[in-house]
Amino acid sequence: MRLDHIVLWTNDARAAMDFYSRVVGLTPVRFDEFEAGEAPFPSVRVSDDSIIDLMPLQMAGGLGSFAKVEGSAGHPVNHVCLAMSKSEYHALDRRLRAEGADTSARMNHTYGARGWAPHAFYFADPDGNVVEARYYE
């Protein structure tokens, strides 16, 4: 079993796409189709088999009843964690700080899907979604 996708609510899908592609370094998926009105939302690729959907918040009303879980549409997630190599981790930290993002929330020796990671930091995207970055030895 694998994680297929995560949905993050966004007030501005274009700003979110810019942040996740230019600053975080993820690859756009269906952005051209979204811009052309052919896709309801764009995504960014995290790995070969995992993406993050950047769902416009105005779509929340219709999705609560669709999932048959009242109150779930537009509900925030505590945070999403991206695991990467040590060099990618440091490069991301530099890009985020260059953009003025706060990466000062740091943790050492944190547990995740691949066991213990020596270091991690947290940052917010333009919509206030919290993302954790970490690497494993």
Foldseek 3Di string as FASTA:
>chain_A
DDAQEAEDEDQDQVQLCCCCCVQLNFAKACPVCVVVVNDQWIWTDLDPRYIYTHHYLVCQVVVCVVVPPPPPRPDADQAAEREDAPVSLVSSVVSCVVVVWDFPAKDAFDQDDVGTFGIKTWTAGPRRHIYIYTYHD
